[in-house]
Amino acid sequence: MKIDFSNNCIALDKELNPLDELALGFSSIFNGLGIKSVFISGYVSILFGRNRASEDVDVFIEEISESKFKQFWESASANFECLQCSDSDSAYNDYLNDSLALRFSQKGGLIPNIEVKFPKTDIDEWTLENRRQVKLNGKNLFISPLEVQIPYKLFLGSEKDIEDAKYLYSVFKNNLDLKELMGFNKRLGAEKAFEEHIL
């Protein structure tokens, strides 16, 4: 797999796995409706070739109105179904607008699934506003900046998360804004973990 990193865009071509197909399917819906989105967490390392099991993809979307959400719901319903509720009113008011994530999967299936949520914290908001463009087999999606993704994984601290952080750092160490990365290490209390596992 070849990864090209230039002009704040990461381009790669690869054989798509089920998580990639799910992410691209939803990214197409978000982009088509003008809804800002950013893929986060474990999927980011899997996207760039880390070989580990995962059953879901996590994505933040900007806070949208109920009418805009209904447009998204109608578009998504062509190929996907919500695992928690069957109508857009409940999905928006009882889940998404109440700081709870919505899970969607291909119709008739449970996994893999995608978890869609609004940002909750200032770091979540920063991640959405500073998202990085990825061209995956020529198609657009947006991911968390690696400078926050790596410290966040170290902050979570499980073996899986630490290995995600180590993998991303090894792939992109020559392309990172180290000042920004160290700033997020400090904010998240991940400085010791960075020294122990990355350096």
N, C-alpha and C. Protein backbone atom coordinates (compact mmCIF):
# COMPACT_ATOMS: atom_id res chain seq x y z
N MET A 1 0.85 -1.19 0.00
CA MET A 1 0.00 0.00 0.00
C MET A 1 0.88 1.24 0.00
N LYS A 2 0.66 2.12 -0.96
CA LYS A 2 1.43 3.35 -1.05
C LYS A 2 0.62 4.50 -0.47
N ILE A 3 1.28 5.28 0.40
CA ILE A 3 0.64 6.44 1.02
C ILE A 3 1.38 7.69 0.59
N ASP A 4 0.68 8.64 0.00
CA ASP A 4 1.26 9.93 -0.39
C ASP A 4 0.72 11.01 0.53
N PHE A 5 1.63 11.77 1.13
CA PHE A 5 1.27 12.80 2.10
C PHE A 5 1.74 14.13 1.54
N SER A 6 0.79 14.96 1.11
CA SER A 6 1.17 16.25 0.55
C SER A 6 0.01 17.22 0.61
N ASN A 7 0.35 18.52 0.75
CA ASN A 7 -0.66 19.59 0.73
C ASN A 7 -1.83 19.32 1.67
N ASN A 8 -1.50 18.81 2.84
CA ASN A 8 -2.52 18.56 3.88
C ASN A 8 -3.55 17.52 3.45
N CYS A 9 -3.19 16.69 2.49
CA CYS A 9 -4.06 15.61 2.03
C CYS A 9 -3.25 14.32 2.00
N ILE A 10 -3.86 13.24 2.45
CA ILE A 10 -3.21 11.94 2.41
C ILE A 10 -3.93 11.10 1.37
N ALA A 11 -3.18 10.60 0.41
CA ALA A 11 -3.78 9.79 -0.66
C ALA A 11 -3.25 8.36 -0.56
N LEU A 12 -4.13 7.40 -0.68
CA LEU A 12 -3.71 6.01 -0.70
C LEU A 12 -4.67 5.17 -1.53
N ASP A 13 -4.11 4.12 -2.10
CA ASP A 13 -4.90 3.13 -2.82
C ASP A 13 -4.68 1.78 -2.15
N LYS A 14 -5.74 1.04 -1.95
CA LYS A 14 -5.64 -0.23 -1.25
C LYS A 14 -6.83 -1.09 -1.59
N GLU A 15 -6.74 -2.36 -1.26
CA GLU A 15 -7.90 -3.24 -1.33
C GLU A 15 -8.80 -2.92 -0.15
N LEU A 16 -10.03 -2.56 -0.42
CA LEU A 16 -10.92 -2.10 0.64
C LEU A 16 -11.38 -3.26 1.52
N ASN A 17 -11.40 -2.99 2.83
CA ASN A 17 -11.99 -3.95 3.77
C ASN A 17 -13.40 -3.50 4.10
N PRO A 18 -14.18 -4.30 4.83
CA PRO A 18 -15.57 -3.90 5.13
C PRO A 18 -15.69 -2.58 5.88
N LEU A 19 -14.72 -2.25 6.74
CA LEU A 19 -14.78 -0.97 7.45
C LEU A 19 -14.55 0.19 6.49
N ASP A 20 -13.63 0.03 5.54
CA ASP A 20 -13.41 1.06 4.53
C ASP A 20 -14.68 1.30 3.72
N GLU A 21 -15.32 0.23 3.31
CA GLU A 21 -16.54 0.36 2.51
C GLU A 21 -17.64 1.06 3.28
N LEU A 22 -17.74 0.75 4.58
CA LEU A 22 -18.74 1.40 5.42
C LEU A 22 -18.42 2.89 5.57
N ALA A 23 -17.15 3.20 5.83
CA ALA A 23 -16.75 4.59 5.98
C ALA A 23 -16.98 5.39 4.70
N LEU A 24 -16.62 4.81 3.57
CA LEU A 24 -16.82 5.52 2.30
C LEU A 24 -18.31 5.70 1.99
N GLY A 25 -19.12 4.70 2.33
CA GLY A 25 -20.56 4.83 2.10
C GLY A 25 -21.15 6.00 2.87
N PHE A 26 -20.79 6.12 4.12
CA PHE A 26 -21.32 7.22 4.93
C PHE A 26 -20.66 8.54 4.57
N SER A 27 -19.39 8.51 4.24
CA SER A 27 -18.73 9.74 3.83
C SER A 27 -19.38 10.32 2.59
N SER A 28 -19.77 9.47 1.67
CA SER A 28 -20.45 9.93 0.47
C SER A 28 -21.77 10.62 0.81
N ILE A 29 -22.49 10.06 1.78
CA ILE A 29 -23.75 10.68 2.21
C ILE A 29 -23.48 12.03 2.87
N PHE A 30 -22.54 12.05 3.80
CA PHE A 30 -22.22 13.31 4.50
C PHE A 30 -21.78 14.38 3.50
N ASN A 31 -20.86 14.02 2.63
CA ASN A 31 -20.33 15.00 1.68
C ASN A 31 -21.42 15.48 0.73
N GLY A 32 -22.28 14.56 0.31
CA GLY A 32 -23.36 14.93 -0.60
C GLY A 32 -24.35 15.90 0.00
N LEU A 33 -24.54 15.82 1.32
CA LEU A 33 -25.48 16.70 2.01
C LEU A 33 -24.80 17.92 2.62
N GLY A 34 -23.49 18.02 2.46
CA GLY A 34 -22.76 19.16 3.02
C GLY A 34 -22.65 19.10 4.54
N ILE A 35 -22.60 17.90 5.10
CA ILE A 35 -22.46 17.71 6.54
C ILE A 35 -20.99 17.42 6.85
N LYS A 36 -20.39 18.26 7.67
CA LYS A 36 -18.98 18.08 8.01
C LYS A 36 -18.84 16.86 8.91
N SER A 37 -17.89 15.98 8.55
CA SER A 37 -17.68 14.75 9.31
C SER A 37 -16.19 14.50 9.50
N VAL A 38 -15.87 13.71 10.53
CA VAL A 38 -14.47 13.32 10.74
C VAL A 38 -14.44 11.93 11.37
N PHE A 39 -13.72 11.02 10.74
CA PHE A 39 -13.57 9.66 11.26
C PHE A 39 -12.45 9.64 12.29
N ILE A 40 -12.68 8.94 13.38
CA ILE A 40 -11.78 8.99 14.53
C ILE A 40 -11.48 7.58 15.04
N SER A 41 -10.68 7.53 16.08
CA SER A 41 -10.44 6.34 16.88
C SER A 41 -9.77 5.22 16.09
N GLY A 42 -10.10 3.95 16.41
CA GLY A 42 -9.36 2.81 15.89
C GLY A 42 -9.38 2.68 14.39
N TYR A 43 -10.43 3.16 13.73
CA TYR A 43 -10.50 3.03 12.28
C TYR A 43 -9.35 3.75 11.59
N VAL A 44 -8.84 4.83 12.20
CA VAL A 44 -7.78 5.60 11.55
C VAL A 44 -6.54 4.74 11.33
N SER A 45 -6.15 3.97 12.33
CA SER A 45 -4.97 3.11 12.15
C SER A 45 -5.25 1.96 11.18
N ILE A 46 -6.47 1.42 11.21
CA ILE A 46 -6.84 0.35 10.29
C ILE A 46 -6.84 0.86 8.84
N LEU A 47 -7.31 2.09 8.65
CA LEU A 47 -7.32 2.71 7.33
C LEU A 47 -5.94 2.69 6.70
N PHE A 48 -4.92 2.95 7.52
CA PHE A 48 -3.56 3.04 7.00
C PHE A 48 -2.77 1.74 7.11
N GLY A 49 -3.48 0.63 7.29
CA GLY A 49 -2.84 -0.65 7.15
C GLY A 49 -2.59 -1.44 8.40
N ARG A 50 -2.97 -0.93 9.58
CA ARG A 50 -2.76 -1.74 10.77
C ARG A 50 -3.71 -2.93 10.74
N ASN A 51 -3.16 -4.10 10.95
CA ASN A 51 -3.93 -5.33 10.84
C ASN A 51 -4.44 -5.74 12.22
N ARG A 52 -5.64 -5.32 12.53
CA ARG A 52 -6.27 -5.74 13.78
C ARG A 52 -7.77 -5.82 13.60
N ALA A 53 -8.41 -6.59 14.45
CA ALA A 53 -9.86 -6.77 14.35
C ALA A 53 -10.61 -5.57 14.91
N SER A 54 -11.68 -5.23 14.27
CA SER A 54 -12.59 -4.20 14.78
C SER A 54 -13.94 -4.41 14.12
N GLU A 55 -14.99 -4.14 14.87
CA GLU A 55 -16.34 -4.32 14.34
C GLU A 55 -17.04 -3.00 14.04
N ASP A 56 -16.37 -1.88 14.35
CA ASP A 56 -17.07 -0.62 14.14
C ASP A 56 -16.15 0.51 13.70
N VAL A 57 -16.79 1.55 13.23
CA VAL A 57 -16.16 2.80 12.79
C VAL A 57 -16.81 3.92 13.58
N ASP A 58 -16.01 4.87 14.05
CA ASP A 58 -16.54 6.01 14.81
C ASP A 58 -16.39 7.28 14.00
N VAL A 59 -17.43 8.10 14.02
CA VAL A 59 -17.38 9.36 13.26
C VAL A 59 -18.14 10.45 14.02
N PHE A 60 -17.53 11.63 14.07
CA PHE A 60 -18.21 12.82 14.54
C PHE A 60 -18.81 13.53 13.34
N ILE A 61 -20.00 14.09 13.52
CA ILE A 61 -20.54 15.02 12.53
C ILE A 61 -20.87 16.34 13.23
N GLU A 62 -20.85 17.40 12.47
CA GLU A 62 -21.21 18.69 13.04
C GLU A 62 -22.66 18.66 13.54
N GLU A 63 -22.96 19.48 14.52
CA GLU A 63 -24.34 19.55 15.00
C GLU A 63 -25.23 20.10 13.89
N ILE A 64 -26.24 19.35 13.56
CA ILE A 64 -27.14 19.72 12.47
C ILE A 64 -28.57 19.82 12.99
N SER A 65 -29.40 20.50 12.23
CA SER A 65 -30.80 20.65 12.60
C SER A 65 -31.54 19.34 12.38
N GLU A 66 -32.73 19.26 12.97
CA GLU A 66 -33.53 18.05 12.80
C GLU A 66 -33.93 17.86 11.34
N SER A 67 -34.22 18.95 10.64
CA SER A 67 -34.60 18.83 9.23
C SER A 67 -33.42 18.32 8.39
N LYS A 68 -32.22 18.77 8.70
CA LYS A 68 -31.04 18.29 7.99
C LYS A 68 -30.80 16.82 8.32
N PHE A 69 -31.03 16.45 9.58
CA PHE A 69 -30.86 15.06 9.96
C PHE A 69 -31.84 14.17 9.21
N LYS A 70 -33.06 14.64 9.00
CA LYS A 70 -34.04 13.84 8.26
C LYS A 70 -33.56 13.59 6.83
N GLN A 71 -32.88 14.56 6.23
CA GLN A 71 -32.31 14.35 4.90
C GLN A 71 -31.25 13.25 4.95
N PHE A 72 -30.41 13.32 5.98
CA PHE A 72 -29.39 12.27 6.16
C PHE A 72 -30.06 10.91 6.36
N TRP A 73 -31.07 10.86 7.21
CA TRP A 73 -31.75 9.61 7.51
C TRP A 73 -32.33 8.97 6.25
N GLU A 74 -32.96 9.79 5.44
CA GLU A 74 -33.55 9.29 4.19
C GLU A 74 -32.48 8.76 3.25
N SER A 75 -31.37 9.46 3.15
CA SER A 75 -30.28 9.02 2.28
C SER A 75 -29.66 7.73 2.79
N ALA A 76 -29.42 7.67 4.11
CA ALA A 76 -28.79 6.49 4.70
C ALA A 76 -29.70 5.26 4.59
N SER A 77 -31.01 5.49 4.67
CA SER A 77 -31.97 4.37 4.72
C SER A 77 -32.02 3.57 3.43
N ALA A 78 -31.45 4.09 2.37
CA ALA A 78 -31.44 3.34 1.11
C ALA A 78 -30.62 2.06 1.24
N ASN A 79 -29.53 2.11 2.02
CA ASN A 79 -28.65 0.95 2.13
C ASN A 79 -28.35 0.52 3.55
N PHE A 80 -28.67 1.39 4.52
CA PHE A 80 -28.30 1.12 5.90
C PHE A 80 -29.52 1.22 6.82
N GLU A 81 -29.38 0.64 8.02
CA GLU A 81 -30.44 0.76 9.00
C GLU A 81 -29.84 1.08 10.37
N CYS A 82 -30.61 1.84 11.14
CA CYS A 82 -30.20 2.18 12.50
C CYS A 82 -30.48 0.99 13.41
N LEU A 83 -29.54 0.68 14.28
CA LEU A 83 -29.68 -0.48 15.15
C LEU A 83 -30.47 -0.18 16.42
N GLN A 84 -30.72 1.11 16.71
CA GLN A 84 -31.43 1.45 17.95
C GLN A 84 -32.88 1.85 17.76
N CYS A 85 -33.20 2.44 16.63
CA CYS A 85 -34.58 2.92 16.45
C CYS A 85 -34.92 2.93 14.96
N SER A 86 -36.21 3.04 14.71
CA SER A 86 -36.67 2.89 13.33
C SER A 86 -37.21 4.18 12.71
N ASP A 87 -37.18 5.28 13.45
CA ASP A 87 -37.67 6.54 12.88
C ASP A 87 -36.71 7.68 13.20
N SER A 88 -36.69 8.65 12.33
CA SER A 88 -35.72 9.75 12.45
C SER A 88 -35.99 10.65 13.65
N ASP A 89 -37.26 10.82 14.02
CA ASP A 89 -37.58 11.67 15.17
C ASP A 89 -36.94 11.14 16.45
N SER A 90 -37.12 9.86 16.71
CA SER A 90 -36.52 9.24 17.89
C SER A 90 -35.00 9.25 17.81
N ALA A 91 -34.47 8.95 16.62
CA ALA A 91 -33.02 8.91 16.45
C ALA A 91 -32.39 10.26 16.77
N TYR A 92 -33.03 11.32 16.32
CA TYR A 92 -32.47 12.66 16.54
C TYR A 92 -32.68 13.14 17.97
N ASN A 93 -33.91 13.04 18.45
CA ASN A 93 -34.24 13.65 19.75
C ASN A 93 -33.85 12.79 20.95
N ASP A 94 -33.96 11.48 20.82
CA ASP A 94 -33.68 10.60 21.96
C ASP A 94 -32.23 10.13 21.99
N TYR A 95 -31.53 10.29 20.89
CA TYR A 95 -30.14 9.82 20.83
C TYR A 95 -29.19 10.96 20.46
N LEU A 96 -29.14 11.28 19.19
CA LEU A 96 -28.10 12.19 18.71
C LEU A 96 -28.12 13.54 19.43
N ASN A 97 -29.29 14.13 19.56
CA ASN A 97 -29.38 15.45 20.19
C ASN A 97 -29.32 15.37 21.71
N ASP A 98 -29.28 14.16 22.24
CA ASP A 98 -29.15 13.95 23.69
C ASP A 98 -27.76 13.38 24.02
N SER A 99 -26.79 13.68 23.15
CA SER A 99 -25.38 13.28 23.33
C SER A 99 -25.17 11.78 23.34
N LEU A 100 -26.05 11.04 22.67
CA LEU A 100 -25.89 9.59 22.53
C LEU A 100 -25.61 9.26 21.07
N ALA A 101 -24.77 8.26 20.87
CA ALA A 101 -24.39 7.88 19.51
C ALA A 101 -25.47 7.02 18.86
N LEU A 102 -25.54 7.12 17.54
CA LEU A 102 -26.40 6.25 16.74
C LEU A 102 -25.53 5.23 16.02
N ARG A 103 -25.99 4.00 15.97
CA ARG A 103 -25.26 2.95 15.26
C ARG A 103 -26.04 2.52 14.02
N PHE A 104 -25.32 2.43 12.91
CA PHE A 104 -25.92 1.99 11.65
C PHE A 104 -25.10 0.83 11.09
N SER A 105 -25.80 -0.07 10.41
CA SER A 105 -25.12 -1.17 9.72
C SER A 105 -25.79 -1.36 8.36
N GLN A 106 -25.18 -2.19 7.53
CA GLN A 106 -25.84 -2.57 6.29
C GLN A 106 -27.17 -3.23 6.63
N LYS A 107 -28.16 -3.04 5.79
CA LYS A 107 -29.46 -3.65 6.05
C LYS A 107 -29.33 -5.16 6.20
N GLY A 108 -29.93 -5.66 7.28
CA GLY A 108 -29.92 -7.09 7.52
C GLY A 108 -28.70 -7.59 8.27
N GLY A 109 -27.78 -6.69 8.62
CA GLY A 109 -26.57 -7.10 9.32
C GLY A 109 -26.38 -6.32 10.61
N LEU A 110 -25.48 -6.81 11.45
CA LEU A 110 -25.15 -6.13 12.70
C LEU A 110 -23.73 -5.58 12.69
N ILE A 111 -22.82 -6.33 12.08
CA ILE A 111 -21.43 -5.89 12.01
C ILE A 111 -20.92 -6.06 10.58
N PRO A 112 -20.02 -5.15 10.19
CA PRO A 112 -19.55 -4.00 10.96
C PRO A 112 -20.63 -2.93 11.05
N ASN A 113 -20.48 -2.04 12.00
CA ASN A 113 -21.41 -0.92 12.11
C ASN A 113 -20.65 0.37 12.33
N ILE A 114 -21.35 1.47 12.15
CA ILE A 114 -20.76 2.79 12.28
C ILE A 114 -21.47 3.55 13.39
N GLU A 115 -20.70 4.21 14.23
CA GLU A 115 -21.24 4.98 15.35
C GLU A 115 -21.15 6.46 15.00
N VAL A 116 -22.30 7.11 14.85
CA VAL A 116 -22.39 8.51 14.46
C VAL A 116 -22.76 9.34 15.67
N LYS A 117 -22.00 10.40 15.93
CA LYS A 117 -22.26 11.22 17.12
C LYS A 117 -21.84 12.66 16.90
N PHE A 118 -22.42 13.55 17.72
CA PHE A 118 -22.00 14.93 17.76
C PHE A 118 -20.77 15.06 18.66
N PRO A 119 -19.91 16.06 18.41
CA PRO A 119 -18.80 16.31 19.33
C PRO A 119 -19.32 16.70 20.71
N LYS A 120 -18.57 16.30 21.75
CA LYS A 120 -18.96 16.62 23.13
C LYS A 120 -18.01 17.60 23.81
N THR A 121 -16.73 17.54 23.47
CA THR A 121 -15.72 18.33 24.17
C THR A 121 -15.06 19.32 23.22
N ASP A 122 -14.25 20.21 23.80
CA ASP A 122 -13.54 21.17 22.95
C ASP A 122 -12.53 20.47 22.05
N ILE A 123 -11.94 19.37 22.51
CA ILE A 123 -11.02 18.62 21.66
C ILE A 123 -11.78 17.94 20.52
N ASP A 124 -12.99 17.44 20.80
CA ASP A 124 -13.84 16.89 19.74
C ASP A 124 -14.11 17.95 18.68
N GLU A 125 -14.45 19.15 19.14
CA GLU A 125 -14.75 20.25 18.21
C GLU A 125 -13.51 20.61 17.39
N TRP A 126 -12.35 20.66 18.06
CA TRP A 126 -11.10 20.98 17.37
C TRP A 126 -10.82 19.93 16.30
N THR A 127 -11.06 18.67 16.66
CA THR A 127 -10.83 17.57 15.72
C THR A 127 -11.68 17.73 14.47
N LEU A 128 -12.93 18.10 14.66
CA LEU A 128 -13.83 18.29 13.52
C LEU A 128 -13.40 19.49 12.67
N GLU A 129 -13.03 20.59 13.33
CA GLU A 129 -12.67 21.80 12.60
C GLU A 129 -11.33 21.66 11.88
N ASN A 130 -10.45 20.79 12.39
CA ASN A 130 -9.11 20.66 11.82
C ASN A 130 -8.91 19.30 11.15
N ARG A 131 -9.99 18.68 10.75
CA ARG A 131 -9.94 17.36 10.13
C ARG A 131 -8.99 17.35 8.92
N ARG A 132 -8.48 16.17 8.61
CA ARG A 132 -7.55 16.02 7.50
C ARG A 132 -8.19 15.22 6.38
N GLN A 133 -8.02 15.70 5.18
CA GLN A 133 -8.59 15.03 4.01
C GLN A 133 -7.79 13.79 3.65
N VAL A 134 -8.51 12.72 3.33
CA VAL A 134 -7.91 11.50 2.81
C VAL A 134 -8.60 11.15 1.51
N LYS A 135 -7.79 10.83 0.50
CA LYS A 135 -8.35 10.30 -0.76
C LYS A 135 -8.07 8.81 -0.77
N LEU A 136 -9.10 8.04 -0.50
CA LEU A 136 -9.00 6.59 -0.46
C LEU A 136 -9.51 6.03 -1.78
N ASN A 137 -8.61 5.49 -2.58
CA ASN A 137 -8.96 5.02 -3.93
C ASN A 137 -9.70 6.11 -4.70
N GLY A 138 -9.25 7.35 -4.50
CA GLY A 138 -9.81 8.50 -5.23
C GLY A 138 -11.06 9.10 -4.63
N LYS A 139 -11.57 8.53 -3.52
CA LYS A 139 -12.79 9.03 -2.90
C LYS A 139 -12.46 9.74 -1.59
N ASN A 140 -13.20 10.81 -1.30
CA ASN A 140 -12.89 11.66 -0.16
C ASN A 140 -13.52 11.18 1.15
N LEU A 141 -12.70 11.16 2.19
CA LEU A 141 -13.21 11.11 3.56
C LEU A 141 -12.26 11.93 4.42
N PHE A 142 -12.65 12.19 5.65
CA PHE A 142 -11.87 13.05 6.53
C PHE A 142 -11.59 12.34 7.84
N ILE A 143 -10.35 12.48 8.32
CA ILE A 143 -9.95 11.80 9.56
C ILE A 143 -9.47 12.80 10.59
N SER A 144 -9.41 12.34 11.82
CA SER A 144 -8.84 13.10 12.92
C SER A 144 -7.39 13.45 12.61
N PRO A 145 -6.95 14.69 12.89
CA PRO A 145 -5.53 15.00 12.74
C PRO A 145 -4.69 14.02 13.57
N LEU A 146 -3.61 13.56 13.00
CA LEU A 146 -2.79 12.56 13.67
C LEU A 146 -2.16 13.12 14.94
N GLU A 147 -1.98 14.44 14.99
CA GLU A 147 -1.38 15.08 16.15
C GLU A 147 -2.26 15.00 17.39
N VAL A 148 -3.56 14.77 17.21
CA VAL A 148 -4.45 14.53 18.36
C VAL A 148 -4.80 13.04 18.46
N GLN A 149 -4.83 12.36 17.34
CA GLN A 149 -5.18 10.94 17.34
C GLN A 149 -4.17 10.11 18.15
N ILE A 150 -2.90 10.38 17.96
CA ILE A 150 -1.86 9.61 18.66
C ILE A 150 -1.91 9.85 20.17
N PRO A 151 -1.92 11.11 20.64
CA PRO A 151 -2.04 11.34 22.09
C PRO A 151 -3.34 10.77 22.68
N TYR A 152 -4.44 10.85 21.94
CA TYR A 152 -5.70 10.34 22.47
C TYR A 152 -5.62 8.83 22.67
N LYS A 153 -5.02 8.14 21.73
CA LYS A 153 -4.85 6.69 21.87
C LYS A 153 -3.97 6.36 23.08
N LEU A 154 -2.91 7.13 23.28
CA LEU A 154 -2.05 6.92 24.44
C LEU A 154 -2.80 7.21 25.73
N PHE A 155 -3.66 8.23 25.71
CA PHE A 155 -4.48 8.57 26.86
C PHE A 155 -5.43 7.43 27.22
N LEU A 156 -6.02 6.78 26.23
CA LEU A 156 -6.92 5.66 26.49
C LEU A 156 -6.17 4.51 27.16
N GLY A 157 -5.01 4.21 26.66
CA GLY A 157 -4.07 3.39 27.42
C GLY A 157 -4.18 1.87 27.34
N SER A 158 -5.18 1.33 26.64
CA SER A 158 -5.23 -0.13 26.53
C SER A 158 -4.11 -0.59 25.59
N GLU A 159 -3.80 -1.87 25.63
CA GLU A 159 -2.75 -2.38 24.74
C GLU A 159 -3.09 -2.12 23.28
N LYS A 160 -4.34 -2.32 22.92
CA LYS A 160 -4.79 -2.07 21.54
C LYS A 160 -4.60 -0.61 21.16
N ASP A 161 -4.96 0.30 22.06
CA ASP A 161 -4.84 1.72 21.77
C ASP A 161 -3.38 2.16 21.67
N ILE A 162 -2.54 1.64 22.55
CA ILE A 162 -1.12 1.98 22.50
C ILE A 162 -0.49 1.49 21.20
N GLU A 163 -0.88 0.29 20.78
CA GLU A 163 -0.35 -0.24 19.52
C GLU A 163 -0.85 0.59 18.33
N ASP A 164 -2.08 1.08 18.40
CA ASP A 164 -2.58 2.00 17.36
C ASP A 164 -1.71 3.24 17.29
N ALA A 165 -1.42 3.83 18.45
CA ALA A 165 -0.60 5.05 18.51
C ALA A 165 0.79 4.79 17.96
N LYS A 166 1.39 3.69 18.35
CA LYS A 166 2.74 3.35 17.88
C LYS A 166 2.74 3.16 16.37
N TYR A 167 1.72 2.50 15.86
CA TYR A 167 1.65 2.25 14.42
C TYR A 167 1.54 3.56 13.65
N LEU A 168 0.63 4.44 14.06
CA LEU A 168 0.45 5.71 13.36
C LEU A 168 1.70 6.55 13.41
N TYR A 169 2.37 6.57 14.56
CA TYR A 169 3.60 7.35 14.67
C TYR A 169 4.67 6.79 13.74
N SER A 170 4.78 5.49 13.66
CA SER A 170 5.80 4.89 12.80
C SER A 170 5.55 5.19 11.33
N VAL A 171 4.30 5.24 10.92
CA VAL A 171 3.97 5.50 9.53
C VAL A 171 4.16 6.97 9.17
N PHE A 172 3.80 7.87 10.11
CA PHE A 172 3.73 9.29 9.77
C PHE A 172 4.72 10.17 10.53
N LYS A 173 5.72 9.60 11.18
CA LYS A 173 6.60 10.39 12.05
C LYS A 173 7.29 11.54 11.32
N ASN A 174 7.51 11.40 10.03
CA ASN A 174 8.18 12.48 9.27
C ASN A 174 7.21 13.54 8.77
N ASN A 175 5.93 13.35 9.02
CA ASN A 175 4.92 14.29 8.54
C ASN A 175 4.14 14.98 9.65
N LEU A 176 4.52 14.74 10.89
CA LEU A 176 3.76 15.25 12.02
C LEU A 176 4.25 16.62 12.45
N ASP A 177 3.32 17.44 12.94
CA ASP A 177 3.66 18.69 13.62
C ASP A 177 3.95 18.33 15.07
N LEU A 178 5.22 18.15 15.39
CA LEU A 178 5.58 17.64 16.72
C LEU A 178 5.20 18.60 17.84
N LYS A 179 5.25 19.90 17.57
CA LYS A 179 4.85 20.87 18.59
C LYS A 179 3.38 20.69 18.95
N GLU A 180 2.56 20.52 17.92
CA GLU A 180 1.13 20.33 18.15
C GLU A 180 0.87 18.99 18.84
N LEU A 181 1.57 17.95 18.41
CA LEU A 181 1.41 16.64 19.02
C LEU A 181 1.79 16.67 20.50
N MET A 182 2.91 17.32 20.82
CA MET A 182 3.34 17.39 22.22
C MET A 182 2.37 18.23 23.04
N GLY A 183 1.75 19.22 22.41
CA GLY A 183 0.75 20.01 23.10
C GLY A 183 -0.46 19.17 23.50
N PHE A 184 -0.90 18.29 22.63
CA PHE A 184 -2.02 17.41 22.97
C PHE A 184 -1.59 16.33 23.96
N ASN A 185 -0.34 15.88 23.87
CA ASN A 185 0.15 14.96 24.90
C ASN A 185 0.01 15.60 26.28
N LYS A 186 0.36 16.87 26.37
CA LYS A 186 0.28 17.57 27.65
C LYS A 186 -1.17 17.74 28.09
N ARG A 187 -2.03 18.16 27.18
CA ARG A 187 -3.44 18.39 27.53
C ARG A 187 -4.12 17.11 27.98
N LEU A 188 -3.74 15.99 27.38
CA LEU A 188 -4.39 14.72 27.70
C LEU A 188 -3.64 13.91 28.76
N GLY A 189 -2.54 14.46 29.25
CA GLY A 189 -1.78 13.73 30.27
C GLY A 189 -1.11 12.48 29.72
N ALA A 190 -0.69 12.55 28.45
CA ALA A 190 -0.11 11.38 27.80
C ALA A 190 1.40 11.51 27.60
N GLU A 191 2.03 12.48 28.25
CA GLU A 191 3.46 12.71 28.04
C GLU A 191 4.29 11.50 28.45
N LYS A 192 4.00 10.93 29.62
CA LYS A 192 4.76 9.78 30.09
C LYS A 192 4.58 8.59 29.17
N ALA A 193 3.35 8.37 28.73
CA ALA A 193 3.08 7.26 27.82
C ALA A 193 3.80 7.44 26.49
N PHE A 194 3.87 8.68 26.02
CA PHE A 194 4.58 8.97 24.77
C PHE A 194 6.06 8.63 24.92
N GLU A 195 6.65 9.06 26.01
CA GLU A 195 8.05 8.76 26.25
C GLU A 195 8.30 7.26 26.38
N GLU A 196 7.38 6.57 27.03
CA GLU A 196 7.56 5.15 27.31
C GLU A 196 7.34 4.28 26.07
N HIS A 197 6.33 4.63 25.26
CA HIS A 197 5.92 3.73 24.18
C HIS A 197 6.33 4.20 22.79
N ILE A 198 6.58 5.49 22.62
CA ILE A 198 6.83 6.01 21.29
C ILE A 198 8.30 6.35 21.07
N LEU A 199 8.90 7.06 22.02
CA LEU A 199 10.29 7.51 21.85
C LEU A 199 11.28 6.37 22.05
